[in-house]
PDB file of all heavy atoms in Angstrom:
ATOM      1  N   SER A   1       0.823  -1.200   0.000  1.00  0.00           N
ATOM      2  CA  SER A   1       0.000   0.000   0.000  1.00  0.00           C
ATOM      3  C   SER A   1       0.864   1.259   0.000  1.00  0.00           C
ATOM      4  O   SER A   1       2.051   1.237   0.339  1.00  0.00           O
ATOM      5  CB  SER A   1      -0.903   0.016   1.236  1.00  0.00           C
ATOM      6  OG  SER A   1      -0.138   0.280   2.399  1.00  0.00           O
ATOM      7  N   TRP A   2       0.247   2.390  -0.362  1.00  0.00           N
ATOM      8  CA  TRP A   2       0.969   3.655  -0.377  1.00  0.00           C
ATOM      9  C   TRP A   2       1.441   4.041   1.013  1.00  0.00           C
ATOM     10  O   TRP A   2       2.531   4.592   1.179  1.00  0.00           O
ATOM     11  CB  TRP A   2       0.090   4.762  -0.958  1.00  0.00           C
ATOM     12  CG  TRP A   2       0.030   4.713  -2.448  1.00  0.00           C
ATOM     13  CD1 TRP A   2      -1.031   4.381  -3.234  1.00  0.00           C
ATOM     14  CD2 TRP A   2       1.113   4.991  -3.350  1.00  0.00           C
ATOM     15  NE1 TRP A   2      -0.692   4.424  -4.564  1.00  0.00           N
ATOM     16  CE2 TRP A   2       0.619   4.795  -4.666  1.00  0.00           C
ATOM     17  CE3 TRP A   2       2.436   5.368  -3.184  1.00  0.00           C
ATOM     18  CZ2 TRP A   2       1.407   4.979  -5.790  1.00  0.00           C
ATOM     19  CZ3 TRP A   2       3.222   5.547  -4.305  1.00  0.00           C
ATOM     20  CH2 TRP A   2       2.712   5.357  -5.597  1.00  0.00           C
ATOM     21  N   LEU A   3       0.645   3.747   2.039  1.00  0.00           N
ATOM     22  CA  LEU A   3       1.063   4.034   3.408  1.00  0.00           C
ATOM     23  C   LEU A   3       2.311   3.234   3.757  1.00  0.00           C
ATOM     24  O   LEU A   3       3.268   3.754   4.359  1.00  0.00           O
ATOM     25  CB  LEU A   3      -0.075   3.690   4.380  1.00  0.00           C
ATOM     26  CG  LEU A   3       0.190   3.992   5.856  1.00  0.00           C
ATOM     27  CD1 LEU A   3       0.417   5.484   6.055  1.00  0.00           C
ATOM     28  CD2 LEU A   3      -0.971   3.501   6.715  1.00  0.00           C
ATOM     29  N   GLN A   4       2.337   1.968   3.352  1.00  0.00           N
ATOM     30  CA  GLN A   4       3.500   1.129   3.605  1.00  0.00           C
ATOM     31  C   GLN A   4       4.698   1.609   2.799  1.00  0.00           C
ATOM     32  O   GLN A   4       5.836   1.560   3.270  1.00  0.00           O
ATOM     33  CB  GLN A   4       3.163  -0.328   3.284  1.00  0.00           C
ATOM     34  CG  GLN A   4       2.173  -0.939   4.258  1.00  0.00           C
ATOM     35  CD  GLN A   4       1.579  -2.247   3.756  1.00  0.00           C
ATOM     36  OE1 GLN A   4       1.576  -2.529   2.567  1.00  0.00           O
ATOM     37  NE2 GLN A   4       1.067  -3.045   4.677  1.00  0.00           N
ATOM     38  N   VAL A   5       4.452   2.083   1.578  1.00  0.00           N
ATOM     39  CA  VAL A   5       5.538   2.601   0.746  1.00  0.00           C
ATOM     40  C   VAL A   5       6.217   3.779   1.428  1.00  0.00           C
ATOM     41  O   VAL A   5       7.449   3.877   1.461  1.00  0.00           O
ATOM     42  CB  VAL A   5       5.023   2.998  -0.648  1.00  0.00           C
ATOM     43  CG1 VAL A   5       6.050   3.843  -1.390  1.00  0.00           C
ATOM     44  CG2 VAL A   5       4.687   1.752  -1.464  1.00  0.00           C
ATOM     45  N   ARG A   6       5.441   4.706   1.981  1.00  0.00           N
ATOM     46  CA  ARG A   6       6.018   5.854   2.674  1.00  0.00           C
ATOM     47  C   ARG A   6       6.860   5.408   3.872  1.00  0.00           C
ATOM     48  O   ARG A   6       7.939   5.952   4.132  1.00  0.00           O
ATOM     49  CB  ARG A   6       4.919   6.816   3.111  1.00  0.00           C
ATOM     50  CG  ARG A   6       4.290   7.601   1.967  1.00  0.00           C
ATOM     51  CD  ARG A   6       3.489   8.785   2.474  1.00  0.00           C
ATOM     52  NE  ARG A   6       2.332   8.364   3.244  1.00  0.00           N
ATOM     53  CZ  ARG A   6       1.131   8.127   2.719  1.00  0.00           C
ATOM     54  NH1 ARG A   6       0.930   8.250   1.415  1.00  0.00           N
ATOM     55  NH2 ARG A   6       0.121   7.758   3.496  1.00  0.00           N
ATOM     56  N   SER A   7       6.374   4.421   4.605  1.00  0.00           N
ATOM     57  CA  SER A   7       7.116   3.896   5.748  1.00  0.00           C
ATOM     58  C   SER A   7       8.420   3.249   5.304  1.00  0.00           C
ATOM     59  O   SER A   7       9.473   3.431   5.936  1.00  0.00           O
ATOM     60  CB  SER A   7       6.254   2.882   6.508  1.00  0.00           C
ATOM     61  OG  SER A   7       6.975   2.271   7.545  1.00  0.00           O
ATOM     62  N   LEU A   8       8.366   2.538   4.199  1.00  0.00           N
ATOM     63  CA  LEU A   8       9.566   1.875   3.688  1.00  0.00           C
ATOM     64  C   LEU A   8      10.583   2.887   3.183  1.00  0.00           C
ATOM     65  O   LEU A   8      11.791   2.707   3.352  1.00  0.00           O
ATOM     66  CB  LEU A   8       9.187   0.899   2.571  1.00  0.00           C
ATOM     67  CG  LEU A   8       8.399  -0.339   3.016  1.00  0.00           C
ATOM     68  CD1 LEU A   8       7.873  -1.099   1.807  1.00  0.00           C
ATOM     69  CD2 LEU A   8       9.272  -1.241   3.881  1.00  0.00           C
ATOM     70  N   ARG A   9      10.104   3.953   2.554  1.00  0.00           N
ATOM     71  CA  ARG A   9      11.017   5.010   2.120  1.00  0.00           C
ATOM     72  C   ARG A   9      11.778   5.590   3.304  1.00  0.00           C
ATOM     73  O   ARG A   9      12.991   5.828   3.238  1.00  0.00           O
ATOM     74  CB  ARG A   9      10.233   6.129   1.431  1.00  0.00           C
ATOM     75  CG  ARG A   9       9.740   5.798   0.031  1.00  0.00           C
ATOM     76  CD  ARG A   9       8.852   6.937  -0.450  1.00  0.00           C
ATOM     77  NE  ARG A   9       8.334   6.690  -1.788  1.00  0.00           N
ATOM     78  CZ  ARG A   9       7.328   7.363  -2.332  1.00  0.00           C
ATOM     79  NH1 ARG A   9       6.723   8.320  -1.628  1.00  0.00           N
ATOM     80  NH2 ARG A   9       6.918   7.088  -3.559  1.00  0.00           N
ATOM     81  N   ARG A  10      11.068   5.838   4.380  1.00  0.00           N
ATOM     82  CA  ARG A  10      11.691   6.409   5.576  1.00  0.00           C
ATOM     83  C   ARG A  10      12.711   5.434   6.166  1.00  0.00           C
ATOM     84  O   ARG A  10      13.825   5.830   6.544  1.00  0.00           O
ATOM     85  CB  ARG A  10      10.621   6.768   6.603  1.00  0.00           C
ATOM     86  CG  ARG A  10      11.148   7.463   7.851  1.00  0.00           C
ATOM     87  CD  ARG A  10      10.014   8.037   8.680  1.00  0.00           C
ATOM     88  NE  ARG A  10       9.043   7.017   9.071  1.00  0.00           N
ATOM     89  CZ  ARG A  10       7.808   6.918   8.565  1.00  0.00           C
ATOM     90  NH1 ARG A  10       7.402   7.764   7.631  1.00  0.00           N
ATOM     91  NH2 ARG A  10       6.987   5.965   8.974  1.00  0.00           N
ATOM     92  N   LEU A  11      12.331   4.166   6.252  1.00  0.00           N
ATOM     93  CA  LEU A  11      13.247   3.156   6.782  1.00  0.00           C
ATOM     94  C   LEU A  11      14.485   3.040   5.903  1.00  0.00           C
ATOM     95  O   LEU A  11      15.616   2.952   6.401  1.00  0.00           O
ATOM     96  CB  LEU A  11      12.528   1.808   6.872  1.00  0.00           C
ATOM     97  CG  LEU A  11      13.376   0.601   7.295  1.00  0.00           C
ATOM     98  CD1 LEU A  11      13.976   0.816   8.680  1.00  0.00           C
ATOM     99  CD2 LEU A  11      12.531  -0.678   7.266  1.00  0.00           C
ATOM    100  N   GLN A  12      14.289   3.069   4.593  1.00  0.00           N
ATOM    101  CA  GLN A  12      15.423   2.967   3.674  1.00  0.00           C
ATOM    102  C   GLN A  12      16.367   4.150   3.838  1.00  0.00           C
ATOM    103  O   GLN A  12      17.593   3.971   3.905  1.00  0.00           O
ATOM    104  CB  GLN A  12      14.921   2.885   2.229  1.00  0.00           C
ATOM    105  CG  GLN A  12      16.035   2.695   1.211  1.00  0.00           C
ATOM    106  CD  GLN A  12      15.530   2.714  -0.215  1.00  0.00           C
ATOM    107  OE1 GLN A  12      14.628   3.497  -0.563  1.00  0.00           O
ATOM    108  NE2 GLN A  12      16.098   1.867  -1.072  1.00  0.00           N
ATOM    109  N   ARG A  13      15.807   5.353   3.907  1.00  0.00           N
ATOM    110  CA  ARG A  13      16.651   6.539   4.037  1.00  0.00           C
ATOM    111  C   ARG A  13      17.404   6.536   5.357  1.00  0.00           C
ATOM    112  O   ARG A  13      18.613   6.832   5.410  1.00  0.00           O
ATOM    113  CB  ARG A  13      15.799   7.811   3.925  1.00  0.00           C
ATOM    114  CG  ARG A  13      16.587   9.108   4.162  1.00  0.00           C
ATOM    115  CD  ARG A  13      17.766   9.181   3.188  1.00  0.00           C
ATOM    116  NE  ARG A  13      18.830  10.063   3.636  1.00  0.00           N
ATOM    117  CZ  ARG A  13      18.975  11.331   3.240  1.00  0.00           C
ATOM    118  NH1 ARG A  13      18.084  11.865   2.425  1.00  0.00           N
ATOM    119  NH2 ARG A  13      19.993  12.034   3.654  1.00  0.00           N
ATOM    120  N   ASN A  14      16.741   6.222   6.445  1.00  0.00           N
ATOM    121  CA  ASN A  14      17.396   6.200   7.745  1.00  0.00           C
ATOM    122  C   ASN A  14      18.512   5.157   7.795  1.00  0.00           C
ATOM    123  O   ASN A  14      19.588   5.401   8.360  1.00  0.00           O
ATOM    124  CB  ASN A  14      16.382   5.929   8.855  1.00  0.00           C
ATOM    125  CG  ASN A  14      15.427   7.080   9.062  1.00  0.00           C
ATOM    126  OD1 ASN A  14      15.671   8.194   8.603  1.00  0.00           O
ATOM    127  ND2 ASN A  14      14.325   6.826   9.755  1.00  0.00           N
ATOM    128  N   SER A  15      18.258   4.012   7.201  1.00  0.00           N
ATOM    129  CA  SER A  15      19.270   2.959   7.190  1.00  0.00           C
ATOM    130  C   SER A  15      20.454   3.352   6.306  1.00  0.00           C
ATOM    131  O   SER A  15      21.613   3.049   6.632  1.00  0.00           O
ATOM    132  CB  SER A  15      18.655   1.643   6.688  1.00  0.00           C
ATOM    133  OG  SER A  15      17.626   1.208   7.554  1.00  0.00           O
ATOM    134  N   PHE A  16      20.182   4.039   5.207  1.00  0.00           N
ATOM    135  CA  PHE A  16      21.258   4.494   4.320  1.00  0.00           C
ATOM    136  C   PHE A  16      22.211   5.442   5.044  1.00  0.00           C
ATOM    137  O   PHE A  16      23.426   5.451   4.769  1.00  0.00           O
ATOM    138  CB  PHE A  16      20.660   5.196   3.100  1.00  0.00           C
ATOM    139  CG  PHE A  16      21.696   5.769   2.165  1.00  0.00           C
ATOM    140  CD1 PHE A  16      22.351   4.962   1.254  1.00  0.00           C
ATOM    141  CD2 PHE A  16      22.024   7.117   2.217  1.00  0.00           C
ATOM    142  CE1 PHE A  16      23.322   5.477   0.406  1.00  0.00           C
ATOM    143  CE2 PHE A  16      22.987   7.655   1.375  1.00  0.00           C
ATOM    144  CZ  PHE A  16      23.639   6.823   0.463  1.00  0.00           C
ATOM    145  N   ASP A  17      21.690   6.214   5.971  1.00  0.00           N
ATOM    146  CA  ASP A  17      22.515   7.192   6.679  1.00  0.00           C
ATOM    147  C   ASP A  17      23.664   6.535   7.455  1.00  0.00           C
ATOM    148  O   ASP A  17      24.658   7.194   7.766  1.00  0.00           O
ATOM    149  CB  ASP A  17      21.663   8.030   7.630  1.00  0.00           C
ATOM    150  CG  ASP A  17      20.871   9.104   6.886  1.00  0.00           C
ATOM    151  OD1 ASP A  17      21.121   9.302   5.684  1.00  0.00           O
ATOM    152  OD2 ASP A  17      20.001   9.731   7.515  1.00  0.00           O
ATOM    153  N   TYR A  18      23.531   5.256   7.779  1.00  0.00           N
ATOM    154  CA  TYR A  18      24.631   4.543   8.436  1.00  0.00           C
ATOM    155  C   TYR A  18      25.907   4.678   7.609  1.00  0.00           C
ATOM    156  O   TYR A  18      26.998   4.920   8.147  1.00  0.00           O
ATOM    157  CB  TYR A  18      24.267   3.069   8.619  1.00  0.00           C
ATOM    158  CG  TYR A  18      25.324   2.256   9.341  1.00  0.00           C
ATOM    159  CD1 TYR A  18      25.249   2.066  10.716  1.00  0.00           C
ATOM    160  CD2 TYR A  18      26.397   1.677   8.660  1.00  0.00           C
ATOM    161  CE1 TYR A  18      26.210   1.317  11.399  1.00  0.00           C
ATOM    162  CE2 TYR A  18      27.362   0.937   9.320  1.00  0.00           C
ATOM    163  CZ  TYR A  18      27.263   0.761  10.682  1.00  0.00           C
ATOM    164  OH  TYR A  18      28.226   0.028  11.352  1.00  0.00           O
ATOM    165  N   PHE A  19      25.778   4.532   6.295  1.00  0.00           N
ATOM    166  CA  PHE A  19      26.956   4.544   5.432  1.00  0.00           C
ATOM    167  C   PHE A  19      27.488   5.953   5.193  1.00  0.00           C
ATOM    168  O   PHE A  19      28.633   6.122   4.784  1.00  0.00           O
ATOM    169  CB  PHE A  19      26.631   3.838   4.118  1.00  0.00           C
ATOM    170  CG  PHE A  19      26.201   2.409   4.324  1.00  0.00           C
ATOM    171  CD1 PHE A  19      24.869   2.042   4.193  1.00  0.00           C
ATOM    172  CD2 PHE A  19      27.111   1.452   4.720  1.00  0.00           C
ATOM    173  CE1 PHE A  19      24.463   0.736   4.416  1.00  0.00           C
ATOM    174  CE2 PHE A  19      26.720   0.138   4.955  1.00  0.00           C
ATOM    175  CZ  PHE A  19      25.393  -0.216   4.809  1.00  0.00           C
ATOM    176  N   LEU A  20      26.663   6.954   5.471  1.00  0.00           N
ATOM    177  CA  LEU A  20      27.145   8.330   5.413  1.00  0.00           C
ATOM    178  C   LEU A  20      27.947   8.694   6.658  1.00  0.00           C
ATOM    179  O   LEU A  20      28.963   9.386   6.574  1.00  0.00           O
ATOM    180  CB  LEU A  20      25.965   9.297   5.269  1.00  0.00           C
ATOM    181  CG  LEU A  20      25.142   9.221   3.993  1.00  0.00           C
ATOM    182  CD1 LEU A  20      24.112  10.342   3.979  1.00  0.00           C
ATOM    183  CD2 LEU A  20      26.012   9.279   2.745  1.00  0.00           C
ATOM    184  N   ASN A  21      27.490   8.209   7.801  1.00  0.00           N
ATOM    185  CA  ASN A  21      28.032   8.676   9.077  1.00  0.00           C
ATOM    186  C   ASN A  21      29.059   7.750   9.715  1.00  0.00           C
ATOM    187  O   ASN A  21      29.829   8.198  10.562  1.00  0.00           O
ATOM    188  CB  ASN A  21      26.895   8.908  10.076  1.00  0.00           C
ATOM    189  CG  ASN A  21      25.890   9.931   9.584  1.00  0.00           C
ATOM    190  OD1 ASN A  21      26.245  10.871   8.878  1.00  0.00           O
ATOM    191  ND2 ASN A  21      24.630   9.746   9.943  1.00  0.00           N
ATOM    192  N   GLU A  22      29.051   6.483   9.352  1.00  0.00           N
ATOM    193  CA  GLU A  22      29.926   5.507  10.012  1.00  0.00           C
ATOM    194  C   GLU A  22      31.045   5.050   9.078  1.00  0.00           C
ATOM    195  O   GLU A  22      31.501   3.914   9.132  1.00  0.00           O
ATOM    196  CB  GLU A  22      29.108   4.308  10.514  1.00  0.00           C
ATOM    197  CG  GLU A  22      27.942   4.668  11.417  1.00  0.00           C
ATOM    198  CD  GLU A  22      28.362   5.391  12.696  1.00  0.00           C
ATOM    199  OE1 GLU A  22      29.556   5.302  13.079  1.00  0.00           O
ATOM    200  OE2 GLU A  22      27.504   6.046  13.315  1.00  0.00           O
ATOM    201  N   THR A  23      31.492   5.955   8.226  1.00  0.00           N
ATOM    202  CA  THR A  23      32.541   5.667   7.245  1.00  0.00           C
ATOM    203  C   THR A  23      33.698   6.640   7.430  1.00  0.00           C
ATOM    204  O   THR A  23      33.483   7.837   7.657  1.00  0.00           O
ATOM    205  CB  THR A  23      31.984   5.801   5.814  1.00  0.00           C
ATOM    206  OG1 THR A  23      30.954   4.841   5.626  1.00  0.00           O
ATOM    207  CG2 THR A  23      33.072   5.569   4.775  1.00  0.00           C
ATOM    208  N   ASN A  24      34.917   6.136   7.338  1.00  0.00           N
ATOM    209  CA  ASN A  24      36.097   6.993   7.346  1.00  0.00           C
ATOM    210  C   ASN A  24      36.258   7.561   5.943  1.00  0.00           C
ATOM    211  O   ASN A  24      36.609   6.849   5.002  1.00  0.00           O
ATOM    212  CB  ASN A  24      37.334   6.179   7.739  1.00  0.00           C
ATOM    213  CG  ASN A  24      38.593   7.031   7.830  1.00  0.00           C
ATOM    214  OD1 ASN A  24      38.655   8.142   7.302  1.00  0.00           O
ATOM    215  ND2 ASN A  24      39.616   6.500   8.486  1.00  0.00           N
ATOM    216  N   ARG A  25      35.995   8.850   5.787  1.00  0.00           N
ATOM    217  CA  ARG A  25      36.011   9.459   4.455  1.00  0.00           C
ATOM    218  C   ARG A  25      37.408   9.465   3.832  1.00  0.00           C
ATOM    219  O   ARG A  25      37.552   9.648   2.622  1.00  0.00           O
ATOM    220  CB  ARG A  25      35.475  10.895   4.524  1.00  0.00           C
ATOM    221  CG  ARG A  25      34.000  11.007   4.856  1.00  0.00           C
ATOM    222  CD  ARG A  25      33.111  10.406   3.776  1.00  0.00           C
ATOM    223  NE  ARG A  25      33.247  11.087   2.499  1.00  0.00           N
ATOM    224  CZ  ARG A  25      32.579  12.170   2.132  1.00  0.00           C
ATOM    225  NH1 ARG A  25      31.712  12.730   2.982  1.00  0.00           N
ATOM    226  NH2 ARG A  25      32.735  12.709   0.939  1.00  0.00           N
ATOM    227  N   ALA A  26      38.435   9.263   4.644  1.00  0.00           N
ATOM    228  CA  ALA A  26      39.801   9.295   4.117  1.00  0.00           C
ATOM    229  C   ALA A  26      40.182   8.008   3.387  1.00  0.00           C
ATOM    230  O   ALA A  26      41.029   8.023   2.498  1.00  0.00           O
ATOM    231  CB  ALA A  26      40.801   9.559   5.241  1.00  0.00           C
ATOM    232  N   ASN A  27      39.549   6.877   3.779  1.00  0.00           N
ATOM    233  CA  ASN A  27      39.940   5.607   3.164  1.00  0.00           C
ATOM    234  C   ASN A  27      38.762   4.701   2.788  1.00  0.00           C
ATOM    235  O   ASN A  27      38.971   3.635   2.205  1.00  0.00           O
ATOM    236  CB  ASN A  27      40.905   4.834   4.072  1.00  0.00           C
ATOM    237  CG  ASN A  27      40.319   4.539   5.447  1.00  0.00           C
ATOM    238  OD1 ASN A  27      39.115   4.601   5.661  1.00  0.00           O
ATOM    239  ND2 ASN A  27      41.193   4.211   6.403  1.00  0.00           N
ATOM    240  N   GLY A  28      37.546   5.097   3.153  1.00  0.00           N
ATOM    241  CA  GLY A  28      36.374   4.309   2.788  1.00  0.00           C
ATOM    242  C   GLY A  28      36.040   3.173   3.722  1.00  0.00           C
ATOM    243  O   GLY A  28      35.098   2.411   3.457  1.00  0.00           O
ATOM    244  N   MET A  29      36.786   3.020   4.821  1.00  0.00           N
ATOM    245  CA  MET A  29      36.474   1.957   5.773  1.00  0.00           C
ATOM    246  C   MET A  29      35.109   2.218   6.414  1.00  0.00           C
ATOM    247  O   MET A  29      34.817   3.355   6.818  1.00  0.00           O
ATOM    248  CB  MET A  29      37.535   1.865   6.865  1.00  0.00           C
ATOM    249  CG  MET A  29      38.941   1.486   6.386  1.00  0.00           C
ATOM    250  SD  MET A  29      39.075  -0.169   5.686  1.00  0.00           S
ATOM    251  CE  MET A  29      39.026   0.211   3.922  1.00  0.00           C
ATOM    252  N   VAL A  30      34.294   1.172   6.529  1.00  0.00           N
ATOM    253  CA  VAL A  30      32.945   1.292   7.085  1.00  0.00           C
ATOM    254  C   VAL A  30      32.873   0.499   8.381  1.00  0.00           C
ATOM    255  O   VAL A  30      33.214  -0.700   8.408  1.00  0.00           O
ATOM    256  CB  VAL A  30      31.880   0.783   6.098  1.00  0.00           C
ATOM    257  CG1 VAL A  30      30.479   0.898   6.707  1.00  0.00           C
ATOM    258  CG2 VAL A  30      31.961   1.559   4.785  1.00  0.00           C
ATOM    259  N   LEU A  31      32.421   1.154   9.431  1.00  0.00           N
ATOM    260  CA  LEU A  31      32.346   0.529  10.748  1.00  0.00           C
ATOM    261  C   LEU A  31      31.471  -0.716  10.700  1.00  0.00           C
ATOM    262  O   LEU A  31      30.353  -0.693  10.182  1.00  0.00           O
ATOM    263  CB  LEU A  31      31.769   1.534  11.743  1.00  0.00           C
ATOM    264  CG  LEU A  31      31.915   1.239  13.234  1.00  0.00           C
ATOM    265  CD1 LEU A  31      33.397   1.232  13.639  1.00  0.00           C
ATOM    266  CD2 LEU A  31      31.148   2.280  14.039  1.00  0.00           C
ATOM    267  N   ASP A  32      31.991  -1.796  11.251  1.00  0.00           N
ATOM    268  CA  ASP A  32      31.214  -3.034  11.306  1.00  0.00           C
ATOM    269  C   ASP A  32      30.042  -2.907  12.266  1.00  0.00           C
ATOM    270  O   ASP A  32      28.935  -3.352  11.972  1.00  0.00           O
ATOM    271  CB  ASP A  32      32.124  -4.182  11.747  1.00  0.00           C
ATOM    272  CG  ASP A  32      31.362  -5.468  12.008  1.00  0.00           C
ATOM    273  OD1 ASP A  32      30.820  -6.045  11.041  1.00  0.00           O
ATOM    274  OD2 ASP A  32      31.281  -5.893  13.190  1.00  0.00           O
ATOM    275  N   LYS A  33      30.284  -2.238  13.398  1.00  0.00           N
ATOM    276  CA  LYS A  33      29.304  -2.193  14.491  1.00  0.00           C
ATOM    277  C   LYS A  33      29.529  -0.915  15.287  1.00  0.00           C
ATOM    278  O   LYS A  33      30.673  -0.524  15.530  1.00  0.00           O
ATOM    279  CB  LYS A  33      29.510  -3.438  15.368  1.00  0.00           C
ATOM    280  CG  LYS A  33      28.817  -3.476  16.705  1.00  0.00           C
ATOM    281  CD  LYS A  33      29.223  -4.763  17.421  1.00  0.00           C
ATOM    282  CE  LYS A  33      28.786  -4.810  18.866  1.00  0.00           C
ATOM    283  NZ  LYS A  33      29.210  -6.071  19.523  1.00  0.00           N
ATOM    284  N   THR A  34      28.454  -0.279  15.714  1.00  0.00           N
ATOM    285  CA  THR A  34      28.558   1.007  16.416  1.00  0.00           C
ATOM    286  C   THR A  34      28.906   0.807  17.888  1.00  0.00           C
ATOM    287  O   THR A  34      28.160   1.176  18.791  1.00  0.00           O
ATOM    288  CB  THR A  34      27.255   1.802  16.293  1.00  0.00           C
ATOM    289  OG1 THR A  34      26.164   0.969  16.747  1.00  0.00           O
ATOM    290  CG2 THR A  34      27.014   2.255  14.869  1.00  0.00           C
ATOM    291  N   ALA A  35      30.073   0.220  18.114  1.00  0.00           N
ATOM    292  CA  ALA A  35      30.596   0.039  19.469  1.00  0.00           C
ATOM    293  C   ALA A  35      31.937   0.756  19.560  1.00  0.00           C
ATOM    294  O   ALA A  35      32.619   0.928  18.547  1.00  0.00           O
ATOM    295  CB  ALA A  35      30.766  -1.452  19.781  1.00  0.00           C
ATOM    296  N   PRO A  36      32.333   1.196  20.758  1.00  0.00           N
ATOM    297  CA  PRO A  36      33.599   1.924  20.895  1.00  0.00           C
ATOM    298  C   PRO A  36      34.789   1.116  20.396  1.00  0.00           C
ATOM    299  O   PRO A  36      34.892  -0.096  20.658  1.00  0.00           O
ATOM    300  CB  PRO A  36      33.689   2.178  22.405  1.00  0.00           C
ATOM    301  CG  PRO A  36      32.275   2.115  22.896  1.00  0.00           C
ATOM    302  CD  PRO A  36      31.600   1.093  22.042  1.00  0.00           C
ATOM    303  N   ASP A  37      35.674   1.772  19.650  1.00  0.00           N
ATOM    304  CA  ASP A  37      36.923   1.170  19.172  1.00  0.00           C
ATOM    305  C   ASP A  37      36.698  -0.080  18.329  1.00  0.00           C
ATOM    306  O   ASP A  37      37.515  -1.004  18.338  1.00  0.00           O
ATOM    307  CB  ASP A  37      37.848   0.834  20.365  1.00  0.00           C
ATOM    308  CG  ASP A  37      38.184   2.066  21.192  1.00  0.00           C
ATOM    309  OD1 ASP A  37      38.462   3.122  20.588  1.00  0.00           O
ATOM    310  OD2 ASP A  37      38.157   1.962  22.437  1.00  0.00           O
ATOM    311  N   TRP A  38      35.625  -0.110  17.619  1.00  0.00           N
ATOM    312  CA  TRP A  38      35.302  -1.272  16.783  1.00  0.00           C
ATOM    313  C   TRP A  38      35.926  -1.083  15.386  1.00  0.00           C
ATOM    314  O   TRP A  38      36.056   0.038  14.903  1.00  0.00           O
ATOM    315  CB  TRP A  38      33.790  -1.424  16.656  1.00  0.00           C
ATOM    316  CG  TRP A  38      33.347  -2.844  16.476  1.00  0.00           C
ATOM    317  CD1 TRP A  38      32.961  -3.459  15.321  1.00  0.00           C
ATOM    318  CD2 TRP A  38      33.235  -3.834  17.497  1.00  0.00           C
ATOM    319  NE1 TRP A  38      32.623  -4.774  15.552  1.00  0.00           N
ATOM    320  CE2 TRP A  38      32.781  -5.029  16.885  1.00  0.00           C
ATOM    321  CE3 TRP A  38      33.482  -3.838  18.866  1.00  0.00           C
ATOM    322  CZ2 TRP A  38      32.568  -6.208  17.597  1.00  0.00           C
ATOM    323  CZ3 TRP A  38      33.270  -5.018  19.586  1.00  0.00           C
ATOM    324  CH2 TRP A  38      32.819  -6.177  18.945  1.00  0.00           C
ATOM    325  N   PRO A  39      36.307  -2.167  14.728  1.00  0.00           N
ATOM    326  CA  PRO A  39      36.913  -2.041  13.397  1.00  0.00           C
ATOM    327  C   PRO A  39      35.872  -1.983  12.281  1.00  0.00           C
ATOM    328  O   PRO A  39      34.670  -2.124  12.508  1.00  0.00           O
ATOM    329  CB  PRO A  39      37.747  -3.323  13.287  1.00  0.00           C
ATOM    330  CG  PRO A  39      36.963  -4.328  14.071  1.00  0.00           C
ATOM    331  CD  PRO A  39      36.360  -3.556  15.233  1.00  0.00           C
ATOM    332  N   ALA A  40      36.374  -1.796  11.092  1.00  0.00           N
ATOM    333  CA  ALA A  40      35.557  -1.921   9.889  1.00  0.00           C
ATOM    334  C   ALA A  40      35.421  -3.396   9.533  1.00  0.00           C
ATOM    335  O   ALA A  40      36.200  -4.240   9.986  1.00  0.00           O
ATOM    336  CB  ALA A  40      36.215  -1.176   8.730  1.00  0.00           C
ATOM    337  N   SER A  41      34.419  -3.724   8.731  1.00  0.00           N
ATOM    338  CA  SER A  41      34.345  -5.063   8.147  1.00  0.00           C
ATOM    339  C   SER A  41      34.239  -4.912   6.640  1.00  0.00           C
ATOM    340  O   SER A  41      33.611  -3.978   6.136  1.00  0.00           O
ATOM    341  CB  SER A  41      33.149  -5.850   8.687  1.00  0.00           C
ATOM    342  OG  SER A  41      31.925  -5.333   8.205  1.00  0.00           O
ATOM    343  N   ILE A  42      34.850  -5.853   5.920  1.00  0.00           N
ATOM    344  CA  ILE A  42      34.820  -5.748   4.462  1.00  0.00           C
ATOM    345  C   ILE A  42      33.432  -6.039   3.916  1.00  0.00           C
ATOM    346  O   ILE A  42      33.072  -5.551   2.840  1.00  0.00           O
ATOM    347  CB  ILE A  42      35.898  -6.626   3.804  1.00  0.00           C
ATOM    348  CG1 ILE A  42      35.738  -8.104   4.179  1.00  0.00           C
ATOM    349  CG2 ILE A  42      37.280  -6.119   4.170  1.00  0.00           C
ATOM    350  CD1 ILE A  42      36.639  -9.020   3.364  1.00  0.00           C
ATOM    351  N   ALA A  43      32.626  -6.792   4.659  1.00  0.00           N
ATOM    352  CA  ALA A  43      31.236  -6.996   4.233  1.00  0.00           C
ATOM    353  C   ALA A  43      30.468  -5.685   4.291  1.00  0.00           C
ATOM    354  O   ALA A  43      29.695  -5.362   3.376  1.00  0.00           O
ATOM    355  CB  ALA A  43      30.563  -8.054   5.099  1.00  0.00           C
ATOM    356  N   ALA A  44      30.677  -4.915   5.360  1.00  0.00           N
ATOM    357  CA  ALA A  44      30.008  -3.613   5.464  1.00  0.00           C
ATOM    358  C   ALA A  44      30.468  -2.676   4.359  1.00  0.00           C
ATOM    359  O   ALA A  44      29.681  -1.884   3.827  1.00  0.00           O
ATOM    360  CB  ALA A  44      30.274  -2.991   6.834  1.00  0.00           C
TER     361      ALA A  44
END
């Protein structure tokens, strides 16, 4: 439904923001998990 579509758009956008904010812009490493001193994972 259109109501569900709007909800999915919001969920998609919010989830996408992980890759904007949890990435080292200098080398492209992406945090595996939002825990202190955690490394990147190549799957992420």
